[in-house]
Amino acid sequence: AYSVGYGIKVTSRASVGAAFKLIDQNLDSEHATAAALDAGLHWSGNGARLAAGARNLGTKVKFRDSADPLPAAFYAGAALGWGTRWTLALDVRTSREDRAQLSAGGEYCRPFESLTGCLRAGVNTAHMDAGGLGGAALGGGIGTGSLRFDFAWTPFGELGSAFRYSLRVRF
């Protein structure tokens, strides 16, 4: 997929953005393309953040005589911060193929000298059918200035666990 996007601040508290995507797929000797739009909006103020958007609004992917729609999805979320250390978040996602899915989580961050450390925990209903602790997630992060390292552990029951790591550098 190739994508180009742009976002702009509309007011001091609100911003909007969109991205155009060209999706190129090969399946054996067959080739198909599709075009799609992702769009969203964000508002923040008084310790709260609200966001909503849509993904994969576009044309169908056509292989030979079969045309399948892209997996369009719609989402909305809210986050509420208490002071400088606590954040609680909730979001809902839906698509034309699946029932609504909910995610909820919390984060506690604390500065230590020039570093900031965070602990996170959450639950995602999309993964609860995996059994065991499926749907749960634990993680954390540490950062300083423009550099941040984050990690997360997500169990998937009998399928094992997923470990995610990210390194962010801001310019």
Protein backbone atom coordinates (compact mmCIF):
# COMPACT_ATOMS: atom_id res chain seq x y z
CA ALA A 1 0.00 0.00 0.00
CA TYR A 2 1.18 3.49 -0.81
CA SER A 3 -0.21 6.35 1.22
CA VAL A 4 0.00 10.13 1.43
CA GLY A 5 -1.75 12.06 4.16
CA TYR A 6 -2.18 15.51 5.61
CA GLY A 7 -3.47 16.88 8.89
CA ILE A 8 -4.24 20.41 9.99
CA LYS A 9 -5.14 22.16 13.21
CA VAL A 10 -8.56 23.80 12.72
CA THR A 11 -8.68 25.54 16.11
CA SER A 12 -6.41 25.48 19.15
CA ARG A 13 -8.31 22.37 20.32
CA ALA A 14 -9.45 20.63 17.12
CA SER A 15 -7.63 19.03 14.20
CA VAL A 16 -8.59 16.96 11.15
CA GLY A 17 -6.63 14.76 8.81
CA ALA A 18 -6.96 12.43 5.87
CA ALA A 19 -4.82 10.01 3.92
CA PHE A 20 -5.26 8.65 0.41
CA LYS A 21 -4.06 5.08 -0.17
CA LEU A 22 -3.36 3.09 -3.29
CA ILE A 23 -3.45 -0.63 -2.51
CA ASP A 24 -1.61 -2.97 -4.88
CA GLN A 25 -2.08 -6.75 -4.50
CA ASN A 26 -0.72 -9.84 -6.24
CA LEU A 27 -2.17 -13.30 -5.83
CA ASP A 28 -0.24 -15.86 -7.84
CA SER A 29 -0.30 -14.44 -11.39
CA GLU A 30 -3.33 -12.19 -10.76
CA HIS A 31 -3.03 -8.46 -10.01
CA ALA A 32 -5.52 -6.04 -8.43
CA THR A 33 -5.53 -2.45 -7.19
CA ALA A 34 -7.87 -0.39 -5.06
CA ALA A 35 -7.99 3.20 -3.82
CA ALA A 36 -9.08 4.19 -0.33
CA LEU A 37 -9.41 7.14 2.02
CA ASP A 38 -8.73 7.26 5.75
CA ALA A 39 -10.03 10.32 7.63
CA GLY A 40 -10.27 11.43 11.23
CA LEU A 41 -10.80 14.27 13.65
CA HIS A 42 -9.44 15.02 17.10
CA TRP A 43 -10.51 17.41 19.87
CA SER A 44 -8.78 18.07 23.17
CA GLY A 45 -9.43 20.29 26.15
CA ASN A 46 -9.71 20.30 29.95
CA GLY A 47 -7.79 17.02 30.31
CA ALA A 48 -10.03 15.17 27.83
CA ARG A 49 -9.39 14.01 24.27
CA LEU A 50 -12.01 12.79 21.79
CA ALA A 51 -11.36 11.30 18.36
CA ALA A 52 -13.33 9.65 15.57
CA GLY A 53 -12.59 8.44 12.10
CA ALA A 54 -12.94 5.97 9.28
CA ARG A 55 -10.49 3.67 7.49
CA ASN A 56 -10.49 2.03 4.05
CA LEU A 57 -13.37 3.92 2.45
CA GLY A 58 -12.91 3.20 -1.21
CA THR A 59 -13.12 0.95 -4.22
CA LYS A 60 -13.35 -2.83 -4.30
CA VAL A 61 -10.38 -5.12 -4.90
CA LYS A 62 -11.14 -7.03 -8.11
CA PHE A 63 -9.42 -10.30 -9.02
CA ARG A 64 -10.84 -11.74 -12.27
CA ASP A 65 -14.63 -11.88 -11.83
CA SER A 66 -14.62 -11.45 -8.06
CA ALA A 67 -14.73 -8.02 -6.42
CA ASP A 68 -14.38 -7.69 -2.66
CA PRO A 69 -14.86 -4.49 -0.67
CA LEU A 70 -11.98 -3.21 1.44
CA PRO A 71 -12.39 -3.83 5.17
CA ALA A 72 -13.91 -0.44 6.00
CA ALA A 73 -13.82 0.41 9.70
CA PHE A 74 -15.22 3.20 11.85
CA TYR A 75 -13.93 4.15 15.28
CA ALA A 76 -14.39 6.61 18.13
CA GLY A 77 -12.44 7.04 21.32
CA ALA A 78 -12.04 9.12 24.43
CA ALA A 79 -9.23 9.64 26.92
CA LEU A 80 -9.31 11.43 30.24
CA GLY A 81 -6.23 12.54 32.12
CA TRP A 82 -6.02 13.16 35.87
CA GLY A 83 -3.20 15.46 36.77
CA THR A 84 0.04 14.72 34.96
CA ARG A 85 0.32 11.03 35.86
CA TRP A 86 -2.93 9.14 35.13
CA THR A 87 -4.80 8.55 31.85
CA LEU A 88 -7.85 6.36 31.21
CA ALA A 89 -9.01 5.58 27.68
CA LEU A 90 -11.94 3.86 25.95
CA ASP A 91 -12.58 3.22 22.27
CA VAL A 92 -15.09 1.43 20.08
CA ARG A 93 -14.50 0.07 16.55
CA THR A 94 -16.85 -1.45 14.06
CA SER A 95 -16.69 -2.67 10.49
CA ARG A 96 -19.11 -4.11 8.00
CA GLU A 97 -17.75 -7.61 8.70
CA ASP A 98 -17.57 -7.65 12.52
CA ARG A 99 -19.58 -6.72 15.57
CA ALA A 100 -18.53 -3.69 17.60
CA GLN A 101 -15.33 -4.15 19.58
CA LEU A 102 -14.36 -2.26 22.72
CA SER A 103 -10.98 -1.47 24.22
CA ALA A 104 -10.27 0.12 27.58
CA GLY A 105 -7.03 0.86 29.33
CA GLY A 106 -5.09 2.97 31.73
CA GLU A 107 -1.64 4.48 32.02
CA TYR A 108 0.39 5.76 34.95
CA CYS A 109 3.46 7.88 34.15
CA ARG A 110 6.03 9.26 36.54
CA PRO A 111 9.05 11.46 35.91
CA PHE A 112 12.44 10.37 37.33
CA GLU A 113 15.07 13.09 36.94
CA SER A 114 15.39 13.47 33.12
CA LEU A 115 13.47 10.22 32.35
CA THR A 116 9.76 9.48 32.36
CA GLY A 117 8.54 5.93 33.00
CA CYS A 118 5.03 4.63 32.25
CA LEU A 119 3.08 1.48 33.13
CA ARG A 120 0.03 0.48 31.07
CA ALA A 121 -2.75 -2.12 31.26
CA GLY A 122 -5.81 -2.72 29.12
CA VAL A 123 -8.36 -5.07 27.66
CA ASN A 124 -9.54 -5.57 24.06
CA THR A 125 -12.76 -7.51 23.36
CA ALA A 126 -11.51 -8.44 19.87
CA HIS A 127 -9.05 -10.91 21.41
CA MET A 128 -11.12 -12.36 24.29
CA ASP A 129 -12.07 -15.54 22.43
CA ALA A 130 -8.42 -16.68 22.44
CA GLY A 131 -8.90 -18.14 25.93
CA GLY A 132 -6.72 -17.72 28.99
CA LEU A 133 -5.81 -14.07 29.44
CA GLY A 134 -6.75 -13.31 25.82
CA GLY A 135 -7.90 -9.73 25.53
CA ALA A 136 -5.58 -8.43 28.25
CA ALA A 137 -2.44 -6.41 27.61
CA LEU A 138 0.35 -5.13 29.84
CA GLY A 139 3.14 -2.78 28.91
CA GLY A 140 5.29 0.16 29.72
CA GLY A 141 7.69 2.67 28.38
CA ILE A 142 10.58 4.93 29.19
CA GLY A 143 11.58 8.14 27.50
CA THR A 144 13.68 11.25 27.65
CA GLY A 145 13.41 14.34 25.48
CA SER A 146 12.65 13.29 21.91
CA LEU A 147 13.46 9.59 22.44
CA ARG A 148 10.99 6.96 23.72
CA PHE A 149 11.01 3.15 23.98
CA ASP A 150 7.70 1.31 24.53
CA PHE A 151 6.83 -2.37 24.91
CA ALA A 152 3.68 -4.47 25.35
CA TRP A 153 2.77 -8.08 26.12
CA THR A 154 -0.52 -9.48 24.78
CA PRO A 155 -1.44 -13.12 25.55
CA PHE A 156 -3.47 -15.09 22.98
CA GLY A 157 -4.32 -18.25 24.97
CA GLU A 158 -3.19 -21.42 23.21
CA LEU A 159 -1.72 -19.36 20.36
CA GLY A 160 0.98 -17.97 22.64
CA SER A 161 1.81 -14.32 23.24
CA ALA A 162 2.64 -11.28 21.17
CA PHE A 163 5.42 -8.94 22.24
CA ARG A 164 5.51 -5.48 20.68
CA TYR A 165 8.36 -3.02 20.87
CA SER A 166 8.66 0.47 19.45
CA LEU A 167 11.30 3.16 19.38
CA ARG A 168 10.11 6.72 18.70
CA VAL A 169 12.35 9.60 17.76
CA ARG A 170 10.78 13.04 17.38
CA PHE A 171 12.32 15.62 15.08
